[in-house]
Amino acid sequence: MDNYLKFDKKQPMMWVFGVFLIGMMLRCIAWSNTFVIDPDGALYIHQARAIHYSQWTSLTGCGLSYVSNYPILVAAAYKIFPDWIIAARTVSFLFGFAVLIPLYLLLRHFFNNTVSAITTLIFAVTPMFVGRSVDILRDPTYWFFMVFGLYFFTIRMEKENRFFLFLSCLSFLLAAWARIEAVLFIAISCCYLIYAERSVKKLLIFASPLILIAVIGSLGAIFTGISISRFHRGAELSEKFSAPFVQYHVLRDELKLLAASQQTEVLPFFLSAARSNIWMVAIGMLIKQVLEAFFYPFFMVFLIGLTNIRQKIREDIRLLYFSALAISSLLMLYAHIFHKWVMDYRFLAILIFPCAVFTGFGIEKLLSWLIIKFSLKESLAIAILAVLILACALPKNFKPRDADKLVFKQIGEFIAKQAGNQQMITISASYPTQRWVSFYANLHYKGAVCPEPSDATCWDIFAKDTDSLLQGLKTRKIRYFLWTEQRANKSIDIFKAPYPQQLKELGRWRHADTGQMILFEVL
């Protein structure tokens, strides 16, 4: 803390309760403003339903090759809230809100009550965290355990209670169970214990949950006869290291072929330049995603907190740990871009949470500047800063979320109303819409119906012309067919005789991404 700023150590807890109350209220608003589930959420609810209905073979056979802790929690919540969407959102809501508690406790080990509360307020109102806290995704669970792992590791630095090392690794493992990227925190924590503290004993205590899991996995493999690789996600982890390099060379080769095939004057030169500068494109994409995930005004606070960071690290060795986490997370995200070239804002949480301490330094400097520059009372400076934070974030948090996607929910519910819920409803929609339509159509069926788009369900995959479309619908025993204008090729014309006699039109809808959509019952 800056020496010229002397905060009262007995700050009222009203700031803390106010922050938590604001965080909860914004998440309630986001819940009411969310009209459809995230497409990935359909897969997690499918797993939860498979657990609830004991359809064990369906657990990893529908778009996901592993079971995280999130669908297990959703299946448990369903016993309390007998609605799959409400149960899943409740789990996300609870963890997405509860993460503010360990975050505040973590910040209290670096700052006083006031700075910690205002810094927590930033995370309470950041649009990405607010919105994703009510989405049916595993990320809020992952955030909660990840931040608790950071909290326990920080406590251990101060109190030298080695039991906190055990709890820290255990928390990181629970976070990794939700998202495998959290193993990075385990690796960096091990490196910190070796480099900064040079203690093999502490390293063994920290790694003891890992050792325990390895022993249990080995015994499970021996007694069940199942390969030990089924008890962990090692293949997925190794892929995250190797795939970016493979995809980099694949992309270069594809750009070379694409440039050679172009007949225009400019495009071949552009593609050739892009091929030589893929790494710079990735940097640009990463910078854009970081700025938007942090939220631009709050990223500026983070940058302010980085001033004199070398001196701060020399004064407090704990900051070396958080710096290492932030840098390694940034490098991992950069590698991820080469692998997928897609990065949702929620992926940036692994970078943003370790940066919370540096954001706290930015808040501290801003409060100091307000008090000294304008001769303000501490309480007034705090209030001004809190109002500015809210003014920046509230407009975006009040916006409806994916209201235009409501049409896909309406189609699914229309099908469910037509067919009833006594048996599984087979639907063939286009690849981008299959998850939504199939999920909502089978939402109240007492069983786990896979909504994942595939060759078995999506007509725009298996149909080459009108004859193969109708034949495919019948051989796959598809009951409902959703035609979409923008996914239909010229070889598919279901409106010419005799094809209309095999399909009964039930309704029409329109969406900007799909054009006109027509629902048919297959006769």
Protein backbone atom coordinates (compact mmCIF):
# COMPACT_ATOMS: atom_id res chain seq x y z
CA MET A 1 0.00 0.00 0.00
CA ASP A 2 1.22 3.52 -0.74
CA ASN A 3 2.71 5.08 2.37
CA TYR A 4 0.99 8.41 1.87
CA LEU A 5 -2.45 6.83 2.03
CA LYS A 6 -3.59 5.84 5.53
CA PHE A 7 -6.89 4.01 5.45
CA ASP A 8 -8.82 3.39 8.59
CA LYS A 9 -8.30 -0.28 9.42
CA LYS A 10 -11.77 -0.50 10.97
CA GLN A 11 -13.72 0.12 7.81
CA PRO A 12 -17.42 -0.72 8.14
CA MET A 13 -18.42 -4.04 6.60
CA MET A 14 -21.20 -2.25 4.74
CA TRP A 15 -18.91 -1.93 1.69
CA VAL A 16 -18.39 -5.70 1.60
CA PHE A 17 -22.07 -6.56 2.02
CA GLY A 18 -22.94 -3.92 -0.56
CA VAL A 19 -20.57 -5.50 -3.09
CA PHE A 20 -22.01 -8.98 -2.53
CA LEU A 21 -25.55 -7.63 -2.76
CA ILE A 22 -24.79 -5.86 -6.05
CA GLY A 23 -23.16 -9.02 -7.41
CA MET A 24 -26.20 -11.10 -6.52
CA MET A 25 -28.69 -8.58 -7.93
CA LEU A 26 -26.85 -8.30 -11.25
CA ARG A 27 -26.79 -12.08 -11.60
CA CYS A 28 -30.52 -12.21 -10.91
CA ILE A 29 -31.05 -9.61 -13.64
CA ALA A 30 -28.85 -11.61 -16.02
CA TRP A 31 -30.93 -14.70 -15.24
CA SER A 32 -34.14 -12.88 -16.18
CA ASN A 33 -32.48 -11.48 -19.33
CA THR A 34 -31.25 -14.88 -20.57
CA PHE A 35 -33.73 -16.38 -23.00
CA VAL A 36 -32.08 -19.61 -24.18
CA ILE A 37 -29.40 -21.91 -22.85
CA ASP A 38 -25.86 -21.89 -24.18
CA PRO A 39 -25.48 -24.61 -26.87
CA ASP A 40 -22.83 -26.36 -24.74
CA GLY A 41 -25.30 -26.36 -21.84
CA ALA A 42 -27.45 -28.88 -23.69
CA LEU A 43 -24.59 -31.39 -23.45
CA TYR A 44 -24.07 -30.86 -19.71
CA ILE A 45 -27.78 -31.27 -19.01
CA HIS A 46 -27.70 -34.42 -21.15
CA GLN A 47 -24.97 -35.82 -18.88
CA ALA A 48 -26.92 -34.81 -15.77
CA ARG A 49 -30.00 -36.57 -17.13
CA ALA A 50 -27.94 -39.66 -17.96
CA ILE A 51 -26.77 -39.71 -14.32
CA HIS A 52 -30.29 -39.17 -12.99
CA TYR A 53 -31.82 -41.90 -15.18
CA SER A 54 -28.79 -44.23 -14.79
CA GLN A 55 -28.05 -44.26 -18.52
CA TRP A 56 -24.34 -44.74 -17.91
CA THR A 57 -23.45 -45.59 -21.50
CA SER A 58 -24.77 -42.19 -22.59
CA LEU A 59 -22.47 -40.22 -20.29
CA THR A 60 -19.54 -39.87 -22.68
CA GLY A 61 -21.23 -40.71 -25.96
CA CYS A 62 -22.77 -37.34 -26.74
CA GLY A 63 -20.27 -34.66 -27.68
CA LEU A 64 -18.21 -35.00 -24.49
CA SER A 65 -15.58 -37.66 -23.83
CA TYR A 66 -15.37 -36.99 -20.08
CA VAL A 67 -17.62 -36.20 -17.11
CA SER A 68 -16.83 -33.04 -15.17
CA ASN A 69 -18.14 -32.26 -11.70
CA TYR A 70 -20.71 -29.82 -13.11
CA PRO A 71 -23.30 -32.35 -14.44
CA ILE A 72 -22.97 -34.31 -11.20
CA LEU A 73 -23.90 -31.17 -9.27
CA VAL A 74 -26.76 -30.48 -11.69
CA ALA A 75 -28.12 -34.01 -11.21
CA ALA A 76 -28.02 -33.44 -7.44
CA ALA A 77 -29.71 -30.02 -7.76
CA TYR A 78 -32.49 -31.58 -9.86
CA LYS A 79 -33.66 -33.48 -6.77
CA ILE A 80 -34.37 -30.09 -5.17
CA PHE A 81 -35.44 -28.16 -8.28
CA PRO A 82 -37.29 -30.62 -10.57
CA ASP A 83 -36.64 -28.55 -13.69
CA TRP A 84 -33.45 -29.24 -15.63
CA ILE A 85 -32.84 -25.67 -16.74
CA ILE A 86 -33.53 -24.19 -13.30
CA ALA A 87 -31.39 -26.85 -11.59
CA ALA A 88 -28.45 -26.23 -13.95
CA ARG A 89 -28.70 -22.46 -13.73
CA THR A 90 -28.96 -22.61 -9.95
CA VAL A 91 -25.65 -24.48 -9.75
CA SER A 92 -24.00 -21.93 -12.04
CA PHE A 93 -25.58 -19.03 -10.15
CA LEU A 94 -24.43 -20.28 -6.74
CA PHE A 95 -20.83 -20.86 -7.79
CA GLY A 96 -20.72 -17.76 -9.98
CA PHE A 97 -21.79 -15.64 -7.02
CA ALA A 98 -19.89 -17.57 -4.34
CA VAL A 99 -16.56 -17.04 -6.14
CA LEU A 100 -16.69 -13.44 -4.88
CA ILE A 101 -16.20 -14.70 -1.30
CA PRO A 102 -12.80 -16.43 -1.69
CA LEU A 103 -11.76 -13.62 -4.04
CA TYR A 104 -12.44 -11.02 -1.36
CA LEU A 105 -10.68 -13.15 1.27
CA LEU A 106 -7.69 -13.51 -1.05
CA LEU A 107 -7.48 -9.75 -1.61
CA ARG A 108 -7.65 -9.11 2.15
CA HIS A 109 -4.20 -10.68 2.43
CA PHE A 110 -2.84 -7.84 0.29
CA PHE A 111 -5.12 -4.88 0.98
CA ASN A 112 -7.38 -3.42 3.63
CA ASN A 113 -11.12 -3.94 3.72
CA THR A 114 -11.93 -0.97 1.49
CA VAL A 115 -9.54 -1.72 -1.38
CA SER A 116 -10.47 -5.40 -1.25
CA ALA A 117 -14.19 -4.59 -1.41
CA ILE A 118 -13.85 -2.18 -4.35
CA THR A 119 -11.63 -4.62 -6.25
CA THR A 120 -14.16 -7.38 -5.62
CA LEU A 121 -16.82 -5.00 -6.94
CA ILE A 122 -15.04 -4.99 -10.30
CA PHE A 123 -15.38 -8.76 -10.51
CA ALA A 124 -18.94 -8.59 -9.22
CA VAL A 125 -20.01 -6.35 -12.12
CA THR A 126 -17.71 -7.43 -14.99
CA PRO A 127 -20.19 -8.36 -17.75
CA MET A 128 -18.42 -11.59 -18.68
CA PHE A 129 -18.55 -12.92 -15.12
CA VAL A 130 -22.12 -11.75 -14.57
CA GLY A 131 -23.45 -13.33 -17.75
CA ARG A 132 -21.57 -16.60 -17.50
CA SER A 133 -22.68 -16.98 -13.87
CA VAL A 134 -26.18 -17.82 -15.06
CA ASP A 135 -25.27 -19.83 -18.14
CA ILE A 136 -25.42 -23.61 -18.07
CA LEU A 137 -21.65 -24.06 -18.20
CA ARG A 138 -18.97 -25.61 -16.02
CA ASP A 139 -16.98 -22.36 -15.78
CA PRO A 140 -18.48 -20.91 -12.54
CA THR A 141 -17.63 -24.17 -10.74
CA TYR A 142 -14.12 -23.94 -12.16
CA TRP A 143 -13.73 -20.31 -11.05
CA PHE A 144 -14.87 -21.07 -7.52
CA PHE A 145 -12.38 -23.88 -6.87
CA MET A 146 -9.57 -22.09 -8.73
CA VAL A 147 -9.85 -18.95 -6.58
CA PHE A 148 -10.10 -21.03 -3.40
CA GLY A 149 -6.88 -22.74 -4.47
CA LEU A 150 -5.20 -19.34 -4.81
CA TYR A 151 -6.58 -18.31 -1.42
CA PHE A 152 -5.27 -21.39 0.39
CA PHE A 153 -1.86 -21.09 -1.28
CA THR A 154 -1.63 -17.43 -0.21
CA ILE A 155 -2.61 -18.21 3.40
CA ARG A 156 0.11 -20.82 3.54
CA MET A 157 2.71 -18.21 2.54
CA GLU A 158 1.81 -16.18 5.63
CA LYS A 159 0.97 -18.77 8.29
CA GLU A 160 3.25 -21.65 7.21
CA ASN A 161 0.42 -24.08 7.91
CA ARG A 162 1.22 -26.90 5.51
CA PHE A 163 -2.32 -28.22 5.63
CA PHE A 164 -3.25 -25.25 3.44
CA LEU A 165 -0.89 -26.63 0.79
CA PHE A 166 -2.96 -29.80 0.71
CA LEU A 167 -6.21 -27.79 0.48
CA SER A 168 -4.75 -25.60 -2.27
CA CYS A 169 -3.84 -28.54 -4.51
CA LEU A 170 -7.16 -30.22 -3.75
CA SER A 171 -9.01 -27.05 -4.81
CA PHE A 172 -6.98 -26.82 -8.01
CA LEU A 173 -7.79 -30.47 -8.75
CA LEU A 174 -11.50 -29.80 -8.30
CA ALA A 175 -11.12 -26.84 -10.64
CA ALA A 176 -9.28 -29.06 -13.13
CA TRP A 177 -12.09 -31.59 -12.89
CA ALA A 178 -14.34 -28.85 -14.27
CA ARG A 179 -11.80 -27.45 -16.78
CA ILE A 180 -8.52 -29.23 -17.41
CA GLU A 181 -6.68 -25.91 -17.91
CA ALA A 182 -6.52 -25.53 -14.11
CA VAL A 183 -3.66 -28.07 -14.00
CA LEU A 184 -1.50 -25.13 -15.08
CA PHE A 185 -1.97 -23.67 -11.58
CA ILE A 186 -0.78 -26.94 -10.05
CA ALA A 187 2.34 -26.91 -12.25
CA ILE A 188 3.18 -23.27 -11.48
CA SER A 189 2.58 -23.81 -7.76
CA CYS A 190 5.01 -26.73 -7.80
CA CYS A 191 7.60 -24.62 -9.62
CA TYR A 192 7.15 -21.82 -7.10
CA LEU A 193 7.72 -24.16 -4.16
CA ILE A 194 10.90 -25.45 -5.78
CA TYR A 195 12.28 -22.12 -7.01
CA ALA A 196 11.18 -19.60 -4.36
CA GLU A 197 11.03 -21.78 -1.25
CA ARG A 198 13.37 -24.64 -2.22
CA SER A 199 11.42 -27.11 -0.11
CA VAL A 200 10.96 -30.68 -1.32
CA LYS A 201 8.88 -31.44 1.77
CA LYS A 202 6.39 -28.68 0.99
CA LEU A 203 6.26 -29.87 -2.60
CA LEU A 204 5.38 -33.39 -1.49
CA ILE A 205 2.67 -32.10 0.84
CA PHE A 206 1.22 -29.97 -1.95
CA ALA A 207 1.34 -32.86 -4.43
CA SER A 208 -0.13 -35.41 -1.99
CA PRO A 209 -3.68 -35.13 -3.45
CA LEU A 210 -2.18 -35.86 -6.88
CA ILE A 211 -0.36 -38.89 -5.53
CA LEU A 212 -3.51 -40.10 -3.76
CA ILE A 213 -5.55 -39.79 -6.97
CA ALA A 214 -2.86 -41.64 -8.94
CA VAL A 215 -2.94 -44.52 -6.44
CA ILE A 216 -6.75 -44.69 -6.49
CA GLY A 217 -6.75 -44.60 -10.30
CA SER A 218 -4.19 -47.40 -10.50
CA LEU A 219 -6.15 -49.58 -8.07
CA GLY A 220 -9.35 -48.84 -10.00
CA ALA A 221 -7.68 -49.90 -13.24
CA ILE A 222 -6.41 -53.13 -11.65
CA PHE A 223 -9.71 -54.20 -10.11
CA THR A 224 -11.99 -53.12 -12.96
CA GLY A 225 -9.76 -54.11 -15.85
CA ILE A 226 -10.31 -50.70 -17.43
CA SER A 227 -7.35 -48.87 -18.92
CA ILE A 228 -5.89 -46.33 -16.52
CA SER A 229 -6.26 -43.69 -19.23
CA ARG A 230 -10.04 -43.82 -18.62
CA PHE A 231 -9.47 -42.53 -15.07
CA HIS A 232 -7.76 -39.31 -16.15
CA ARG A 233 -7.73 -36.83 -19.04
CA GLY A 234 -4.06 -37.23 -19.89
CA ALA A 235 -4.75 -37.59 -23.61
CA GLU A 236 -6.65 -34.32 -23.64
CA LEU A 237 -3.88 -32.63 -21.67
CA SER A 238 -1.14 -33.86 -24.01
CA GLU A 239 -3.21 -32.74 -27.00
CA LYS A 240 -3.29 -29.19 -25.65
CA PHE A 241 0.52 -29.17 -25.77
CA SER A 242 1.01 -30.80 -29.18
CA ALA A 243 -2.04 -29.69 -31.19
CA PRO A 244 -1.09 -25.96 -31.48
CA PHE A 245 2.18 -26.87 -33.25
CA VAL A 246 0.46 -29.34 -35.55
CA GLN A 247 -2.35 -26.93 -36.41
CA TYR A 248 0.13 -24.12 -37.07
CA HIS A 249 1.83 -26.11 -39.84
CA VAL A 250 -1.50 -27.39 -41.19
CA LEU A 251 -2.80 -23.82 -41.44
CA ARG A 252 0.35 -22.66 -43.23
CA ASP A 253 -0.03 -25.44 -45.79
CA GLU A 254 -3.71 -24.65 -46.33
CA LEU A 255 -3.01 -20.93 -46.79
CA LYS A 256 -0.31 -21.76 -49.33
CA LEU A 257 -2.71 -23.89 -51.37
CA LEU A 258 -5.46 -21.29 -51.07
CA ALA A 259 -3.16 -18.49 -52.25
CA ALA A 260 -2.06 -20.55 -55.27
CA SER A 261 -5.68 -21.21 -56.27
CA GLN A 262 -6.76 -17.56 -56.31
CA GLN A 263 -7.20 -15.73 -59.62
CA THR A 264 -7.68 -12.21 -58.24
CA GLU A 265 -4.94 -9.60 -58.18
CA VAL A 266 -4.74 -8.82 -54.43
CA LEU A 267 -5.95 -11.87 -52.50
CA PRO A 268 -2.97 -14.18 -53.30
CA PHE A 269 -0.54 -11.60 -51.88
CA PHE A 270 -2.71 -11.10 -48.82
CA LEU A 271 -2.91 -14.85 -48.13
CA SER A 272 0.83 -15.19 -48.62
CA ALA A 273 1.45 -12.38 -46.13
CA ALA A 274 -1.04 -13.93 -43.69
CA ARG A 275 0.77 -17.27 -44.00
CA SER A 276 4.04 -15.63 -42.94
CA ASN A 277 2.46 -13.70 -40.08
CA ILE A 278 0.08 -16.19 -38.46
CA TRP A 279 1.75 -15.57 -35.12
CA MET A 280 0.97 -11.84 -35.34
CA VAL A 281 -2.67 -12.53 -36.19
CA ALA A 282 -2.85 -14.70 -33.07
CA ILE A 283 -1.37 -11.90 -30.96
CA GLY A 284 -3.94 -9.45 -32.30
CA MET A 285 -6.76 -11.86 -31.57
CA LEU A 286 -5.45 -12.48 -28.05
CA ILE A 287 -5.14 -8.75 -27.28
CA LYS A 288 -8.70 -8.12 -28.48
CA GLN A 289 -10.12 -10.97 -26.39
CA VAL A 290 -8.16 -9.93 -23.29
CA LEU A 291 -9.38 -6.34 -23.51
CA GLU A 292 -13.00 -7.34 -23.99
CA ALA A 293 -12.99 -10.08 -21.35
CA PHE A 294 -11.38 -7.80 -18.75
CA PHE A 295 -13.79 -5.06 -19.93
CA TYR A 296 -11.97 -1.99 -21.24
CA PRO A 297 -12.36 0.40 -18.25
CA PHE A 298 -11.35 -2.31 -15.78
CA PHE A 299 -8.35 -3.28 -17.89
CA MET A 300 -7.10 0.27 -17.45
CA VAL A 301 -7.31 -0.18 -13.68
CA PHE A 302 -5.26 -3.37 -14.05
CA LEU A 303 -2.61 -1.50 -16.10
CA ILE A 304 -2.40 1.22 -13.45
CA GLY A 305 -1.75 -1.51 -10.89
CA LEU A 306 1.24 -2.76 -12.89
CA THR A 307 3.24 0.43 -12.31
CA ASN A 308 6.40 -0.21 -10.26
CA ILE A 309 5.61 -3.92 -10.35
CA ARG A 310 9.29 -4.96 -10.15
CA GLN A 311 9.73 -3.05 -6.92
CA LYS A 312 6.54 -4.55 -5.53
CA ILE A 313 7.74 -8.06 -6.34
CA ARG A 314 11.04 -7.38 -4.55
CA GLU A 315 9.10 -6.17 -1.52
CA ASP A 316 6.55 -9.02 -1.56
CA ILE A 317 7.69 -12.37 -2.98
CA ARG A 318 4.07 -13.56 -3.13
CA LEU A 319 3.58 -11.32 -6.17
CA LEU A 320 6.13 -13.45 -8.03
CA TYR A 321 3.70 -16.36 -7.75
CA PHE A 322 0.78 -14.37 -9.18
CA SER A 323 2.99 -12.92 -11.91
CA ALA A 324 4.09 -16.41 -12.94
CA LEU A 325 0.47 -17.57 -13.03
CA ALA A 326 -0.58 -14.61 -15.19
CA ILE A 327 2.30 -14.95 -17.65
CA SER A 328 1.93 -18.72 -18.03
CA SER A 329 -1.84 -18.33 -18.48
CA LEU A 330 -1.27 -15.76 -21.21
CA LEU A 331 1.12 -18.11 -23.03
CA MET A 332 -1.35 -20.99 -22.71
CA LEU A 333 -4.14 -18.85 -24.17
CA TYR A 334 -1.85 -17.86 -27.03
CA ALA A 335 -1.17 -21.52 -27.77
CA HIS A 336 -4.90 -22.27 -27.58
CA ILE A 337 -5.55 -19.79 -30.39
CA PHE A 338 -3.25 -21.78 -32.70
CA HIS A 339 -5.15 -24.93 -31.78
CA LYS A 340 -8.75 -23.77 -32.30
CA TRP A 341 -8.74 -20.16 -33.56
CA VAL A 342 -11.80 -19.69 -31.38
CA MET A 343 -11.69 -18.14 -27.92
CA ASP A 344 -14.73 -17.39 -25.82
CA TYR A 345 -14.32 -14.63 -23.24
CA ARG A 346 -14.87 -17.15 -20.44
CA PHE A 347 -11.59 -18.86 -21.36
CA LEU A 348 -9.80 -15.71 -20.14
CA ALA A 349 -10.80 -16.35 -16.51
CA ILE A 350 -7.58 -18.31 -16.01
CA LEU A 351 -5.72 -15.05 -16.68
CA ILE A 352 -8.08 -12.56 -15.05
CA PHE A 353 -8.29 -14.10 -11.57
CA PRO A 354 -4.50 -14.19 -10.92
CA CYS A 355 -4.46 -10.55 -12.07
CA ALA A 356 -6.95 -9.60 -9.33
CA VAL A 357 -4.11 -8.63 -7.00
CA PHE A 358 -2.66 -6.23 -9.58
CA THR A 359 -6.12 -4.80 -10.17
CA GLY A 360 -6.21 -4.18 -6.42
CA PHE A 361 -3.02 -2.13 -6.68
CA GLY A 362 -4.72 -0.08 -9.39
CA ILE A 363 -7.73 0.57 -7.14
CA GLU A 364 -5.36 1.56 -4.34
CA LYS A 365 -3.59 4.09 -6.56
CA LEU A 366 -6.85 5.54 -7.84
CA LEU A 367 -8.18 6.01 -4.31
CA SER A 368 -4.90 7.65 -3.27
CA TRP A 369 -5.03 9.98 -6.27
CA LEU A 370 -8.65 11.01 -5.60
CA ILE A 371 -8.00 11.72 -1.93
CA ILE A 372 -4.77 13.67 -2.48
CA LYS A 373 -5.64 15.45 -5.74
CA PHE A 374 -9.08 16.69 -4.67
CA SER A 375 -8.65 16.66 -0.87
CA LEU A 376 -11.58 14.28 -0.51
CA LYS A 377 -12.62 12.32 2.50
CA GLU A 378 -11.89 8.64 2.24
CA SER A 379 -15.59 7.66 2.26
CA LEU A 380 -16.38 10.12 -0.55
CA ALA A 381 -13.47 8.87 -2.69
CA ILE A 382 -14.66 5.29 -2.20
CA ALA A 383 -18.21 6.23 -3.16
CA ILE A 384 -17.05 8.07 -6.29
CA LEU A 385 -14.94 5.14 -7.44
CA ALA A 386 -17.76 2.67 -6.75
CA VAL A 387 -20.23 4.80 -8.74
CA LEU A 388 -17.79 5.04 -11.67
CA ILE A 389 -17.34 1.26 -11.69
CA LEU A 390 -21.09 0.72 -11.67
CA ALA A 391 -21.66 3.37 -14.35
CA CYS A 392 -19.22 1.60 -16.67
CA ALA A 393 -20.64 -1.90 -16.21
CA LEU A 394 -24.38 -1.56 -15.58
CA PRO A 395 -25.52 -0.62 -19.12
CA LYS A 396 -24.01 -3.79 -20.57
CA ASN A 397 -25.29 -5.96 -17.73
CA PHE A 398 -28.87 -4.77 -18.30
CA LYS A 399 -28.95 -5.80 -21.97
CA PRO A 400 -31.01 -8.85 -23.03
CA ARG A 401 -28.85 -11.88 -23.79
CA ASP A 402 -29.44 -13.78 -27.04
CA ALA A 403 -33.06 -12.67 -27.30
CA ASP A 404 -32.98 -13.40 -31.04
CA LYS A 405 -32.23 -17.09 -30.32
CA LEU A 406 -35.60 -17.45 -28.61
CA VAL A 407 -37.06 -18.67 -31.92
CA PHE A 408 -35.17 -21.99 -31.62
CA LYS A 409 -36.64 -22.56 -28.18
CA GLN A 410 -40.09 -21.81 -29.57
CA ILE A 411 -39.62 -24.36 -32.35
CA GLY A 412 -38.51 -27.05 -29.89
CA GLU A 413 -41.42 -26.35 -27.56
CA PHE A 414 -43.83 -26.38 -30.50
CA ILE A 415 -42.56 -29.85 -31.48
CA ALA A 416 -42.91 -31.05 -27.87
CA LYS A 417 -46.48 -29.81 -27.79
CA GLN A 418 -47.25 -31.61 -31.04
CA ALA A 419 -45.61 -34.92 -30.13
CA GLY A 420 -46.02 -35.09 -26.36
CA ASN A 421 -43.39 -36.28 -23.87
CA GLN A 422 -44.14 -39.98 -23.63
CA GLN A 423 -41.41 -41.02 -26.04
CA MET A 424 -38.16 -39.67 -27.44
CA ILE A 425 -38.67 -37.19 -30.28
CA THR A 426 -36.36 -37.67 -33.26
CA ILE A 427 -35.55 -34.42 -35.05
CA SER A 428 -33.37 -33.52 -38.00
CA ALA A 429 -32.33 -29.87 -38.04
CA SER A 430 -29.35 -28.09 -39.55
CA TYR A 431 -25.99 -28.42 -37.84
CA PRO A 432 -26.05 -24.97 -36.11
CA THR A 433 -29.59 -25.41 -34.74
CA GLN A 434 -29.75 -29.12 -33.85
CA ARG A 435 -28.72 -28.78 -30.20
CA TRP A 436 -31.28 -26.10 -29.37
CA VAL A 437 -34.23 -27.63 -31.21
CA SER A 438 -33.61 -31.21 -30.06
CA PHE A 439 -32.93 -30.14 -26.48
CA TYR A 440 -36.10 -28.10 -26.03
CA ALA A 441 -38.24 -30.67 -27.85
CA ASN A 442 -37.10 -33.47 -25.51
CA LEU A 443 -36.72 -31.37 -22.36
CA HIS A 444 -39.58 -33.05 -20.49
CA TYR A 445 -38.94 -36.58 -21.75
CA LYS A 446 -37.92 -38.83 -18.86
CA GLY A 447 -34.60 -39.93 -20.23
CA ALA A 448 -31.36 -38.63 -21.72
CA VAL A 449 -31.72 -37.77 -25.43
CA CYS A 450 -28.49 -36.73 -27.11
CA PRO A 451 -28.89 -33.29 -28.78
CA GLU A 452 -25.44 -33.35 -30.40
CA PRO A 453 -25.48 -32.66 -34.17
CA SER A 454 -24.07 -35.54 -36.20
CA ASP A 455 -24.45 -37.49 -39.43
CA ALA A 456 -27.29 -39.38 -37.75
CA THR A 457 -29.38 -36.27 -37.15
CA CYS A 458 -28.35 -33.29 -39.29
CA TRP A 459 -29.84 -33.33 -42.78
CA ASP A 460 -27.31 -30.79 -44.08
CA ILE A 461 -24.62 -33.41 -43.38
CA PHE A 462 -26.16 -36.60 -44.73
CA ALA A 463 -28.28 -35.18 -47.60
CA LYS A 464 -26.71 -34.48 -50.98
CA ASP A 465 -29.95 -34.05 -52.92
CA THR A 466 -33.69 -34.30 -52.35
CA ASP A 467 -33.86 -38.07 -52.79
CA SER A 468 -31.02 -38.74 -50.33
CA LEU A 469 -32.64 -36.28 -47.90
CA LEU A 470 -35.99 -38.08 -47.82
CA GLN A 471 -34.37 -41.50 -47.80
CA GLY A 472 -32.09 -40.44 -44.97
CA LEU A 473 -35.00 -39.12 -42.92
CA LYS A 474 -36.87 -42.40 -43.24
CA THR A 475 -33.93 -44.76 -42.65
CA ARG A 476 -32.96 -42.77 -39.56
CA LYS A 477 -36.61 -42.83 -38.40
CA ILE A 478 -36.71 -39.05 -38.14
CA ARG A 479 -40.14 -37.79 -37.11
CA TYR A 480 -39.66 -34.04 -37.55
CA PHE A 481 -37.56 -32.21 -40.13
CA LEU A 482 -36.61 -28.53 -39.80
CA TRP A 483 -35.63 -27.06 -43.17
CA THR A 484 -33.51 -23.90 -43.07
CA GLU A 485 -33.11 -21.63 -46.05
CA GLN A 486 -29.41 -20.79 -45.75
CA ARG A 487 -28.29 -24.41 -45.23
CA ALA A 488 -30.17 -25.86 -48.20
CA ASN A 489 -28.15 -26.34 -51.40
CA LYS A 490 -29.51 -26.12 -54.92
CA SER A 491 -29.77 -29.91 -55.21
CA ILE A 492 -32.36 -30.03 -52.42
CA ASP A 493 -35.83 -28.89 -53.45
CA ILE A 494 -38.54 -30.30 -51.25
CA PHE A 495 -41.26 -28.14 -52.76
CA LYS A 496 -41.53 -29.88 -56.14
CA ALA A 497 -43.85 -32.84 -56.68
CA PRO A 498 -43.94 -35.58 -55.52
CA TYR A 499 -41.87 -34.60 -52.48
CA PRO A 500 -44.50 -32.47 -50.67
CA GLN A 501 -46.65 -35.59 -50.33
CA GLN A 502 -44.02 -37.14 -48.05
CA LEU A 503 -43.80 -34.11 -45.76
CA LYS A 504 -46.47 -32.27 -43.81
CA GLU A 505 -45.77 -28.63 -43.07
CA LEU A 506 -46.39 -27.64 -39.42
CA GLY A 507 -45.04 -24.12 -39.09
CA ARG A 508 -42.71 -21.39 -40.33
CA TRP A 509 -40.24 -19.14 -38.53
CA ARG A 510 -37.43 -16.79 -39.51
CA HIS A 511 -34.03 -15.88 -38.05
CA ALA A 512 -31.27 -13.65 -39.38
CA ASP A 513 -28.67 -16.43 -39.27
CA THR A 514 -30.77 -19.13 -40.90
CA GLY A 515 -33.25 -17.32 -43.12
CA GLN A 516 -36.66 -18.92 -43.31
CA MET A 517 -37.21 -22.12 -41.32
CA ILE A 518 -40.00 -24.58 -42.09
CA LEU A 519 -40.93 -27.45 -39.80
CA PHE A 520 -42.23 -30.65 -41.38
CA GLU A 521 -43.57 -33.89 -40.03
CA VAL A 522 -42.14 -36.83 -41.96
CA LEU A 523 -45.03 -38.97 -43.24
